[in-house]
N, C-alpha and C. Protein backbone atom coordinates (compact mmCIF):
# COMPACT_ATOMS: atom_id res chain seq x y z
N UNK A 1 113.44 -194.82 16.54
CA UNK A 1 112.14 -194.35 16.12
C UNK A 1 111.79 -194.93 14.75
N UNK A 2 112.79 -195.21 13.95
CA UNK A 2 112.53 -195.58 12.57
C UNK A 2 111.45 -196.68 12.43
N UNK A 3 111.57 -197.75 13.17
CA UNK A 3 110.63 -198.85 13.05
C UNK A 3 109.23 -198.45 13.49
N UNK A 4 109.11 -197.47 14.35
CA UNK A 4 107.80 -197.04 14.81
C UNK A 4 106.95 -196.43 13.71
N UNK A 5 107.57 -195.85 12.71
CA UNK A 5 106.85 -195.19 11.63
C UNK A 5 106.70 -196.06 10.39
N UNK A 6 107.28 -197.25 10.42
CA UNK A 6 107.25 -198.13 9.25
C UNK A 6 105.99 -199.02 9.29
N UNK A 7 105.42 -199.12 8.13
CA UNK A 7 104.26 -199.97 7.92
C UNK A 7 104.71 -201.44 7.93
N UNK A 8 103.98 -202.30 8.64
CA UNK A 8 104.26 -203.72 8.58
C UNK A 8 103.73 -204.27 7.26
N UNK A 9 104.45 -205.22 6.66
CA UNK A 9 103.97 -205.77 5.39
C UNK A 9 102.64 -206.52 5.56
N UNK A 10 101.80 -206.43 4.54
CA UNK A 10 100.54 -207.15 4.54
C UNK A 10 100.04 -207.32 3.12
N UNK A 11 99.05 -208.16 2.96
CA UNK A 11 98.40 -208.36 1.65
C UNK A 11 97.07 -207.62 1.57
N UNK A 12 96.84 -206.72 2.51
CA UNK A 12 95.58 -206.00 2.55
C UNK A 12 95.51 -204.92 1.48
N UNK A 13 94.31 -204.63 1.03
CA UNK A 13 94.05 -203.43 0.27
C UNK A 13 93.88 -202.33 1.31
N UNK A 14 94.66 -201.24 1.19
CA UNK A 14 94.63 -200.19 2.18
C UNK A 14 94.10 -198.89 1.56
N UNK A 15 93.09 -198.36 2.24
CA UNK A 15 92.40 -197.15 1.80
C UNK A 15 92.61 -196.07 2.86
N UNK A 16 92.91 -194.83 2.41
CA UNK A 16 93.11 -193.72 3.35
C UNK A 16 92.09 -192.64 3.06
N UNK A 17 91.42 -192.18 4.10
CA UNK A 17 90.58 -190.98 4.04
C UNK A 17 91.54 -189.81 4.25
N UNK A 18 91.49 -188.82 3.36
CA UNK A 18 92.52 -187.81 3.30
C UNK A 18 91.92 -186.46 3.00
N UNK A 19 92.31 -185.46 3.75
CA UNK A 19 91.80 -184.13 3.47
C UNK A 19 91.76 -183.27 4.73
N UNK A 20 91.33 -182.04 4.57
CA UNK A 20 91.30 -181.11 5.70
C UNK A 20 90.25 -181.49 6.75
N UNK A 21 90.34 -180.80 7.87
CA UNK A 21 89.43 -181.05 8.99
C UNK A 21 87.98 -180.73 8.59
N UNK A 22 87.07 -181.44 9.23
CA UNK A 22 85.64 -181.24 9.07
C UNK A 22 85.16 -181.44 7.63
N UNK A 23 85.67 -182.52 7.00
CA UNK A 23 85.22 -182.84 5.65
C UNK A 23 84.62 -184.24 5.56
N UNK A 24 84.29 -184.83 6.70
CA UNK A 24 83.55 -186.10 6.69
C UNK A 24 84.42 -187.36 6.65
N UNK A 25 85.69 -187.24 6.90
CA UNK A 25 86.58 -188.41 6.84
C UNK A 25 86.20 -189.50 7.85
N UNK A 26 86.02 -189.09 9.10
CA UNK A 26 85.72 -190.08 10.11
C UNK A 26 84.38 -190.76 9.86
N UNK A 27 83.38 -189.99 9.52
CA UNK A 27 82.05 -190.56 9.25
C UNK A 27 82.16 -191.60 8.13
N UNK A 28 82.82 -191.26 7.06
CA UNK A 28 82.93 -192.16 5.92
C UNK A 28 83.80 -193.37 6.26
N UNK A 29 84.86 -193.20 7.01
CA UNK A 29 85.71 -194.36 7.33
C UNK A 29 84.94 -195.37 8.18
N UNK A 30 84.11 -194.90 9.09
CA UNK A 30 83.29 -195.79 9.92
C UNK A 30 82.25 -196.50 9.05
N UNK A 31 81.62 -195.76 8.13
CA UNK A 31 80.62 -196.36 7.23
C UNK A 31 81.28 -197.44 6.36
N UNK A 32 82.43 -197.15 5.82
CA UNK A 32 83.11 -198.11 4.93
C UNK A 32 83.54 -199.37 5.69
N UNK A 33 84.10 -199.18 6.87
CA UNK A 33 84.55 -200.36 7.62
C UNK A 33 83.35 -201.25 8.00
N UNK A 34 82.21 -200.64 8.33
CA UNK A 34 81.01 -201.40 8.62
C UNK A 34 80.51 -202.14 7.37
N UNK A 35 80.50 -201.42 6.25
CA UNK A 35 80.04 -202.02 4.99
C UNK A 35 80.89 -203.25 4.60
N UNK A 36 82.19 -203.12 4.75
CA UNK A 36 83.10 -204.20 4.35
C UNK A 36 83.43 -205.16 5.49
N UNK A 37 82.86 -204.92 6.65
CA UNK A 37 83.09 -205.77 7.83
C UNK A 37 84.59 -205.97 8.07
N UNK A 38 85.26 -204.84 8.20
CA UNK A 38 86.71 -204.87 8.40
C UNK A 38 87.12 -203.82 9.40
N UNK A 39 88.38 -203.80 9.71
CA UNK A 39 88.92 -202.85 10.69
C UNK A 39 89.02 -201.45 10.12
N UNK A 40 88.83 -200.50 11.03
CA UNK A 40 88.98 -199.08 10.71
C UNK A 40 90.01 -198.50 11.66
N UNK A 41 91.05 -197.90 11.10
CA UNK A 41 92.09 -197.28 11.91
C UNK A 41 91.65 -195.84 12.21
N UNK A 42 91.38 -195.54 13.48
CA UNK A 42 90.93 -194.19 13.81
C UNK A 42 92.09 -193.18 13.71
N UNK A 43 91.73 -191.92 13.75
CA UNK A 43 92.71 -190.85 13.71
C UNK A 43 93.29 -190.67 15.11
N UNK A 44 94.51 -191.14 15.33
CA UNK A 44 95.14 -191.10 16.65
C UNK A 44 95.22 -189.68 17.19
N UNK A 45 95.50 -188.72 16.32
CA UNK A 45 95.69 -187.35 16.78
C UNK A 45 94.46 -186.77 17.48
N UNK A 46 93.25 -187.20 17.06
CA UNK A 46 92.06 -186.66 17.70
C UNK A 46 92.04 -186.97 19.19
N UNK A 47 92.23 -188.21 19.55
CA UNK A 47 92.20 -188.59 20.95
C UNK A 47 93.39 -187.97 21.71
N UNK A 48 94.55 -188.01 21.08
CA UNK A 48 95.77 -187.48 21.71
C UNK A 48 95.63 -185.97 21.99
N UNK A 49 95.17 -185.24 20.99
CA UNK A 49 95.07 -183.77 21.14
C UNK A 49 93.88 -183.37 22.00
N UNK A 50 92.80 -184.15 21.96
CA UNK A 50 91.66 -183.82 22.82
C UNK A 50 92.05 -184.00 24.29
N UNK A 51 92.79 -185.06 24.59
CA UNK A 51 93.25 -185.28 25.95
C UNK A 51 94.16 -184.14 26.39
N UNK A 52 95.06 -183.71 25.50
CA UNK A 52 95.95 -182.60 25.82
C UNK A 52 95.13 -181.32 26.08
N UNK A 53 94.16 -181.06 25.22
CA UNK A 53 93.31 -179.86 25.36
C UNK A 53 92.55 -179.90 26.70
N UNK A 54 91.98 -181.06 27.00
CA UNK A 54 91.20 -181.18 28.23
C UNK A 54 92.04 -180.92 29.47
N UNK A 55 93.31 -181.33 29.43
CA UNK A 55 94.19 -181.17 30.59
C UNK A 55 94.84 -179.78 30.65
N UNK A 56 95.20 -179.22 29.51
CA UNK A 56 96.04 -178.00 29.50
C UNK A 56 95.44 -176.82 28.76
N UNK A 57 94.40 -177.06 27.97
CA UNK A 57 93.83 -176.04 27.07
C UNK A 57 94.85 -175.60 26.03
N UNK A 58 95.83 -176.45 25.74
CA UNK A 58 96.82 -176.17 24.70
C UNK A 58 96.48 -176.98 23.47
N UNK A 59 96.79 -176.40 22.32
CA UNK A 59 96.58 -177.08 21.04
C UNK A 59 97.86 -177.80 20.63
N UNK A 60 97.83 -178.38 19.46
CA UNK A 60 98.99 -179.12 18.96
C UNK A 60 100.21 -178.21 18.87
N UNK A 61 101.33 -178.76 19.31
CA UNK A 61 102.62 -178.08 19.24
C UNK A 61 103.53 -178.95 18.40
N UNK A 62 104.61 -178.37 17.93
CA UNK A 62 105.53 -179.10 17.09
C UNK A 62 106.06 -180.36 17.76
N UNK A 63 106.21 -180.34 19.09
CA UNK A 63 106.70 -181.50 19.82
C UNK A 63 105.68 -182.65 19.84
N UNK A 64 104.45 -182.39 19.45
CA UNK A 64 103.42 -183.43 19.42
C UNK A 64 103.41 -184.23 18.11
N UNK A 65 104.05 -183.72 17.09
CA UNK A 65 103.93 -184.36 15.76
C UNK A 65 104.47 -185.80 15.75
N UNK A 66 105.64 -186.04 16.28
CA UNK A 66 106.21 -187.39 16.26
C UNK A 66 105.43 -188.34 17.16
N UNK A 67 105.03 -187.97 18.38
CA UNK A 67 104.16 -188.88 19.14
C UNK A 67 102.86 -189.20 18.40
N UNK A 68 102.30 -188.24 17.70
CA UNK A 68 101.10 -188.48 16.91
C UNK A 68 101.39 -189.48 15.79
N UNK A 69 102.48 -189.26 15.08
CA UNK A 69 102.86 -190.17 13.99
C UNK A 69 103.12 -191.59 14.52
N UNK A 70 103.83 -191.70 15.62
CA UNK A 70 104.09 -193.01 16.22
C UNK A 70 102.80 -193.70 16.63
N UNK A 71 101.89 -192.96 17.25
CA UNK A 71 100.62 -193.52 17.66
C UNK A 71 99.77 -193.98 16.47
N UNK A 72 99.80 -193.20 15.41
CA UNK A 72 99.03 -193.55 14.21
C UNK A 72 99.52 -194.86 13.62
N UNK A 73 100.84 -194.99 13.47
CA UNK A 73 101.36 -196.21 12.86
C UNK A 73 101.20 -197.42 13.79
N UNK A 74 101.30 -197.21 15.09
CA UNK A 74 101.07 -198.31 16.02
C UNK A 74 99.64 -198.84 15.86
N UNK A 75 98.66 -197.93 15.78
CA UNK A 75 97.27 -198.33 15.57
C UNK A 75 97.09 -199.04 14.23
N UNK A 76 97.67 -198.47 13.18
CA UNK A 76 97.52 -199.09 11.85
C UNK A 76 98.10 -200.50 11.83
N UNK A 77 99.31 -200.66 12.33
CA UNK A 77 99.95 -201.98 12.31
C UNK A 77 99.19 -202.99 13.17
N UNK A 78 98.65 -202.54 14.29
CA UNK A 78 97.87 -203.43 15.15
C UNK A 78 96.56 -203.84 14.46
N UNK A 79 95.83 -202.88 13.92
CA UNK A 79 94.53 -203.17 13.32
C UNK A 79 94.63 -203.89 11.99
N UNK A 80 95.78 -203.78 11.33
CA UNK A 80 95.98 -204.51 10.07
C UNK A 80 95.90 -206.04 10.33
N UNK A 81 96.29 -206.43 11.51
CA UNK A 81 96.23 -207.87 11.86
C UNK A 81 94.80 -208.35 12.04
N UNK A 82 93.88 -207.43 12.29
CA UNK A 82 92.48 -207.77 12.53
C UNK A 82 91.60 -207.55 11.29
N UNK A 83 92.17 -206.98 10.25
CA UNK A 83 91.39 -206.60 9.08
C UNK A 83 91.05 -207.79 8.21
N UNK A 84 90.00 -207.62 7.42
CA UNK A 84 89.50 -208.64 6.53
C UNK A 84 89.70 -208.21 5.08
N UNK A 85 90.84 -208.50 4.51
CA UNK A 85 91.22 -208.17 3.11
C UNK A 85 91.40 -206.68 2.83
N UNK A 86 90.79 -205.86 3.65
CA UNK A 86 90.76 -204.43 3.42
C UNK A 86 90.97 -203.69 4.73
N UNK A 87 91.75 -202.63 4.69
CA UNK A 87 91.95 -201.81 5.89
C UNK A 87 91.58 -200.38 5.54
N UNK A 88 90.68 -199.80 6.33
CA UNK A 88 90.25 -198.43 6.13
C UNK A 88 91.00 -197.58 7.16
N UNK A 89 91.71 -196.57 6.68
CA UNK A 89 92.50 -195.70 7.57
C UNK A 89 91.92 -194.28 7.53
N UNK A 90 91.56 -193.79 8.71
CA UNK A 90 90.97 -192.44 8.81
C UNK A 90 92.02 -191.36 8.54
N UNK A 91 93.27 -191.71 8.46
CA UNK A 91 94.35 -190.79 8.16
C UNK A 91 95.61 -191.61 7.93
N UNK A 92 96.70 -190.94 7.59
CA UNK A 92 98.01 -191.62 7.48
C UNK A 92 99.11 -190.60 7.76
N UNK A 93 100.35 -191.03 7.63
CA UNK A 93 101.45 -190.14 7.93
C UNK A 93 101.59 -189.01 6.91
N UNK A 94 101.16 -189.22 5.69
CA UNK A 94 101.20 -188.11 4.72
C UNK A 94 100.30 -186.97 5.16
N UNK A 95 99.17 -187.29 5.74
CA UNK A 95 98.29 -186.25 6.28
C UNK A 95 98.98 -185.50 7.44
N UNK A 96 99.65 -186.25 8.29
CA UNK A 96 100.40 -185.62 9.39
C UNK A 96 101.48 -184.72 8.85
N UNK A 97 102.13 -185.15 7.77
CA UNK A 97 103.17 -184.33 7.12
C UNK A 97 102.56 -183.02 6.59
N UNK A 98 101.43 -183.10 5.93
CA UNK A 98 100.77 -181.91 5.40
C UNK A 98 100.43 -180.92 6.52
N UNK A 99 99.87 -181.45 7.59
CA UNK A 99 99.54 -180.58 8.74
C UNK A 99 100.80 -179.95 9.34
N UNK A 100 101.86 -180.73 9.45
CA UNK A 100 103.11 -180.20 10.00
C UNK A 100 103.61 -179.05 9.14
N UNK A 101 103.58 -179.23 7.84
CA UNK A 101 104.03 -178.17 6.91
C UNK A 101 103.16 -176.93 7.05
N UNK A 102 101.85 -177.13 7.12
CA UNK A 102 100.90 -176.01 7.17
C UNK A 102 100.98 -175.23 8.48
N UNK A 103 101.18 -175.91 9.56
CA UNK A 103 101.13 -175.26 10.88
C UNK A 103 102.50 -174.79 11.36
N UNK A 104 103.57 -175.37 10.85
CA UNK A 104 104.91 -175.05 11.37
C UNK A 104 105.86 -174.55 10.28
N UNK A 105 105.34 -173.65 9.47
CA UNK A 105 106.15 -172.96 8.44
C UNK A 105 106.97 -173.89 7.57
N UNK A 106 106.36 -174.98 7.13
CA UNK A 106 107.03 -175.90 6.23
C UNK A 106 107.87 -176.97 6.90
N UNK A 107 107.98 -176.93 8.23
CA UNK A 107 108.81 -177.93 8.93
C UNK A 107 108.18 -179.31 8.92
N UNK A 108 108.98 -180.31 8.62
CA UNK A 108 108.60 -181.71 8.73
C UNK A 108 109.79 -182.47 9.24
N UNK A 109 109.62 -183.25 10.29
CA UNK A 109 110.67 -184.14 10.80
C UNK A 109 111.11 -185.08 9.67
N UNK A 110 112.42 -185.32 9.55
CA UNK A 110 112.96 -186.12 8.46
C UNK A 110 112.42 -187.55 8.46
N UNK A 111 112.31 -188.15 9.63
CA UNK A 111 111.79 -189.52 9.69
C UNK A 111 110.32 -189.56 9.29
N UNK A 112 109.56 -188.59 9.74
CA UNK A 112 108.15 -188.52 9.36
C UNK A 112 108.04 -188.39 7.84
N UNK A 113 108.81 -187.52 7.26
CA UNK A 113 108.77 -187.35 5.79
C UNK A 113 109.13 -188.64 5.08
N UNK A 114 110.17 -189.30 5.55
CA UNK A 114 110.61 -190.57 4.92
C UNK A 114 109.46 -191.59 4.87
N UNK A 115 108.84 -191.83 6.03
CA UNK A 115 107.82 -192.86 6.06
C UNK A 115 106.47 -192.39 5.53
N UNK A 116 106.22 -191.11 5.56
CA UNK A 116 105.01 -190.58 4.92
C UNK A 116 105.04 -190.90 3.44
N UNK A 117 106.24 -190.91 2.86
CA UNK A 117 106.36 -191.17 1.44
C UNK A 117 106.58 -192.65 1.12
N UNK A 118 107.20 -193.38 2.03
CA UNK A 118 107.49 -194.81 1.78
C UNK A 118 106.29 -195.73 2.05
N UNK A 119 105.53 -195.44 3.09
CA UNK A 119 104.38 -196.31 3.39
C UNK A 119 103.39 -196.28 2.24
N UNK A 120 102.85 -197.43 1.91
CA UNK A 120 102.04 -197.58 0.70
C UNK A 120 100.58 -197.84 0.99
N UNK A 121 99.73 -197.20 0.19
CA UNK A 121 98.29 -197.38 0.25
C UNK A 121 97.78 -197.56 -1.17
N UNK A 122 96.68 -198.27 -1.31
CA UNK A 122 96.14 -198.55 -2.64
C UNK A 122 95.30 -197.41 -3.20
N UNK A 123 94.68 -196.65 -2.29
CA UNK A 123 93.83 -195.56 -2.76
C UNK A 123 93.61 -194.53 -1.64
N UNK A 124 93.71 -193.28 -2.03
CA UNK A 124 93.37 -192.18 -1.14
C UNK A 124 92.01 -191.63 -1.55
N UNK A 125 91.14 -191.40 -0.58
CA UNK A 125 89.86 -190.79 -0.81
C UNK A 125 89.96 -189.35 -0.31
N UNK A 126 90.17 -188.44 -1.25
CA UNK A 126 90.35 -187.02 -0.92
C UNK A 126 88.99 -186.37 -0.74
N UNK A 127 88.71 -185.90 0.47
CA UNK A 127 87.39 -185.34 0.77
C UNK A 127 87.39 -183.82 0.54
N UNK A 128 86.40 -183.40 -0.22
CA UNK A 128 86.29 -181.98 -0.56
C UNK A 128 85.62 -181.21 0.58
N UNK A 129 85.70 -179.89 0.48
CA UNK A 129 85.23 -179.00 1.54
C UNK A 129 83.77 -178.55 1.35
N UNK A 130 82.97 -179.37 0.66
CA UNK A 130 81.57 -179.02 0.44
C UNK A 130 80.66 -179.55 1.54
N UNK A 131 81.22 -179.94 2.66
CA UNK A 131 80.44 -180.35 3.82
C UNK A 131 80.39 -179.16 4.79
N UNK A 132 79.35 -179.08 5.59
CA UNK A 132 79.28 -177.98 6.56
C UNK A 132 80.41 -178.06 7.59
N UNK A 133 80.94 -176.91 7.95
CA UNK A 133 81.97 -176.83 8.99
C UNK A 133 81.34 -177.17 10.35
N UNK A 134 82.00 -178.06 11.10
CA UNK A 134 81.56 -178.38 12.44
C UNK A 134 82.67 -178.02 13.41
N UNK A 135 82.45 -177.03 14.23
CA UNK A 135 83.45 -176.57 15.20
C UNK A 135 83.57 -177.57 16.35
N UNK A 136 84.78 -177.66 16.89
CA UNK A 136 85.03 -178.39 18.13
C UNK A 136 86.27 -177.80 18.78
N UNK A 137 86.75 -178.42 19.84
CA UNK A 137 87.91 -177.90 20.56
C UNK A 137 89.18 -177.83 19.71
N UNK A 138 89.29 -178.71 18.71
CA UNK A 138 90.54 -178.86 17.97
C UNK A 138 90.54 -178.20 16.60
N UNK A 139 89.41 -178.05 15.99
CA UNK A 139 89.36 -177.49 14.64
C UNK A 139 89.50 -175.98 14.73
N UNK A 140 90.40 -175.45 13.88
CA UNK A 140 90.73 -174.03 14.03
C UNK A 140 90.90 -173.24 12.74
N UNK A 141 90.54 -173.81 11.59
CA UNK A 141 90.76 -173.09 10.36
C UNK A 141 89.51 -173.03 9.46
N UNK A 142 88.40 -172.55 9.99
CA UNK A 142 87.18 -172.53 9.16
C UNK A 142 87.29 -171.59 7.98
N UNK A 143 88.12 -170.58 8.05
CA UNK A 143 88.23 -169.62 6.95
C UNK A 143 89.35 -170.00 5.98
N UNK A 144 90.05 -171.07 6.25
CA UNK A 144 91.16 -171.50 5.39
C UNK A 144 90.91 -172.86 4.77
N UNK A 145 89.65 -173.20 4.60
CA UNK A 145 89.32 -174.54 4.09
C UNK A 145 89.85 -174.78 2.67
N UNK A 146 89.71 -173.79 1.81
CA UNK A 146 90.20 -173.95 0.43
C UNK A 146 91.71 -174.09 0.41
N UNK A 147 92.40 -173.29 1.17
CA UNK A 147 93.86 -173.34 1.25
C UNK A 147 94.33 -174.71 1.77
N UNK A 148 93.68 -175.18 2.81
CA UNK A 148 94.05 -176.49 3.37
C UNK A 148 93.73 -177.61 2.37
N UNK A 149 92.58 -177.55 1.74
CA UNK A 149 92.23 -178.57 0.72
C UNK A 149 93.32 -178.62 -0.35
N UNK A 150 93.73 -177.46 -0.83
CA UNK A 150 94.75 -177.43 -1.90
C UNK A 150 96.08 -178.01 -1.40
N UNK A 151 96.42 -177.83 -0.14
CA UNK A 151 97.65 -178.41 0.41
C UNK A 151 97.58 -179.96 0.36
N UNK A 152 96.42 -180.50 0.69
CA UNK A 152 96.26 -181.95 0.65
C UNK A 152 96.27 -182.47 -0.79
N UNK A 153 95.56 -181.80 -1.67
CA UNK A 153 95.54 -182.22 -3.08
C UNK A 153 96.96 -182.14 -3.67
N UNK A 154 97.65 -181.04 -3.38
CA UNK A 154 99.02 -180.85 -3.89
C UNK A 154 99.92 -182.01 -3.44
N UNK A 155 99.81 -182.44 -2.19
CA UNK A 155 100.64 -183.54 -1.69
C UNK A 155 100.38 -184.82 -2.49
N UNK A 156 99.12 -185.13 -2.73
CA UNK A 156 98.78 -186.34 -3.50
C UNK A 156 99.32 -186.25 -4.93
N UNK A 157 99.17 -185.09 -5.53
CA UNK A 157 99.68 -184.91 -6.90
C UNK A 157 101.22 -184.95 -6.93
N UNK A 158 101.85 -184.23 -6.02
CA UNK A 158 103.32 -184.16 -5.99
C UNK A 158 103.95 -185.52 -5.81
N UNK A 159 103.40 -186.35 -4.94
CA UNK A 159 103.99 -187.66 -4.65
C UNK A 159 103.34 -188.80 -5.45
N UNK A 160 102.50 -188.41 -6.43
CA UNK A 160 101.89 -189.36 -7.34
C UNK A 160 101.16 -190.51 -6.64
N UNK A 161 100.36 -190.11 -5.63
CA UNK A 161 99.57 -191.10 -4.90
C UNK A 161 98.25 -191.33 -5.62
N UNK A 162 97.78 -192.57 -5.65
CA UNK A 162 96.49 -192.85 -6.33
C UNK A 162 95.33 -192.31 -5.50
N UNK A 163 94.49 -191.48 -6.10
CA UNK A 163 93.38 -190.93 -5.36
C UNK A 163 92.19 -190.60 -6.24
N UNK A 164 91.06 -190.48 -5.58
CA UNK A 164 89.85 -189.95 -6.19
C UNK A 164 89.35 -188.83 -5.29
N UNK A 165 88.66 -187.89 -5.88
CA UNK A 165 88.08 -186.78 -5.16
C UNK A 165 86.63 -187.09 -4.84
N UNK A 166 86.28 -186.99 -3.56
CA UNK A 166 84.90 -187.23 -3.14
C UNK A 166 84.22 -185.90 -2.84
N UNK A 167 83.10 -185.67 -3.53
CA UNK A 167 82.29 -184.48 -3.31
C UNK A 167 80.86 -184.91 -3.09
N UNK A 168 80.06 -183.98 -2.58
CA UNK A 168 78.65 -184.24 -2.43
C UNK A 168 78.25 -184.64 -1.03
N UNK A 169 77.02 -185.10 -0.91
CA UNK A 169 76.50 -185.49 0.42
C UNK A 169 77.11 -186.83 0.84
N UNK A 170 76.78 -187.24 2.06
CA UNK A 170 77.35 -188.47 2.62
C UNK A 170 77.02 -189.70 1.78
N UNK A 171 75.78 -189.77 1.32
CA UNK A 171 75.34 -190.92 0.52
C UNK A 171 76.13 -190.99 -0.80
N UNK A 172 76.26 -189.86 -1.46
CA UNK A 172 76.99 -189.80 -2.74
C UNK A 172 78.45 -190.23 -2.54
N UNK A 173 79.07 -189.68 -1.54
CA UNK A 173 80.47 -190.02 -1.25
C UNK A 173 80.63 -191.51 -0.94
N UNK A 174 79.73 -192.03 -0.13
CA UNK A 174 79.79 -193.45 0.23
C UNK A 174 79.71 -194.32 -1.01
N UNK A 175 78.74 -194.06 -1.88
CA UNK A 175 78.56 -194.90 -3.07
C UNK A 175 79.75 -194.78 -4.01
N UNK A 176 80.30 -193.60 -4.16
CA UNK A 176 81.48 -193.43 -5.02
C UNK A 176 82.68 -194.19 -4.44
N UNK A 177 82.86 -194.11 -3.13
CA UNK A 177 83.97 -194.82 -2.49
C UNK A 177 83.82 -196.33 -2.63
N UNK A 178 82.61 -196.84 -2.42
CA UNK A 178 82.36 -198.28 -2.53
C UNK A 178 82.63 -198.76 -3.96
N UNK A 179 82.19 -197.99 -4.93
CA UNK A 179 82.45 -198.36 -6.34
C UNK A 179 83.96 -198.50 -6.60
N UNK A 180 84.73 -197.54 -6.13
CA UNK A 180 86.19 -197.58 -6.34
C UNK A 180 86.85 -198.72 -5.57
N UNK A 181 86.44 -198.91 -4.33
CA UNK A 181 87.03 -199.98 -3.51
C UNK A 181 86.66 -201.34 -4.08
N UNK A 182 85.43 -201.53 -4.53
CA UNK A 182 85.03 -202.79 -5.14
C UNK A 182 85.91 -203.14 -6.35
N UNK A 183 86.24 -202.12 -7.14
CA UNK A 183 87.12 -202.36 -8.28
C UNK A 183 88.51 -202.83 -7.84
N UNK A 184 89.01 -202.20 -6.78
CA UNK A 184 90.33 -202.63 -6.25
C UNK A 184 90.28 -204.06 -5.73
N UNK A 185 89.22 -204.42 -5.06
CA UNK A 185 89.11 -205.76 -4.47
C UNK A 185 88.99 -206.83 -5.54
N UNK A 186 88.49 -206.48 -6.73
CA UNK A 186 88.36 -207.44 -7.82
C UNK A 186 89.69 -207.79 -8.46
N UNK A 187 90.67 -206.87 -8.32
CA UNK A 187 91.97 -207.08 -8.96
C UNK A 187 92.74 -208.19 -8.34
């Protein structure tokens, strides 16, 4: 399993959208990839868990975490080959780790933890909870948004990951993200 969770080496600038559910990560990742004409790595867990829900009406279980992590890294490594100097990731293994801890009483698979911390990204865009909640089959914590946001922020602080906090409407977030990414691309 080890190689499945490892990031392939590249010279790309890698950006991760990071934060709790229903905070605009997917919308912004699609906007950014279109703006920069580059690949966008979708959130593997959405498709995986929606398919599970549609078939069984069951939500994520602890046994789903590693298949989700494997699927996420497979997508990232594949799309990195198609990217143009920059790769936009709608999530990463650190986000999967945070969810695992939050939903399974602090449990995190050792391999997931290892690669969640080893895989490298140039910037995390932490999305705040000032966007309207949008319910769907998979989102289940509308009353715990602040708690979940703090779990994501704590992970970035604890592991000293480079990040900026995005607040405001879609346009404001987009312009702030572009400003930061442009600075990274100039380096």
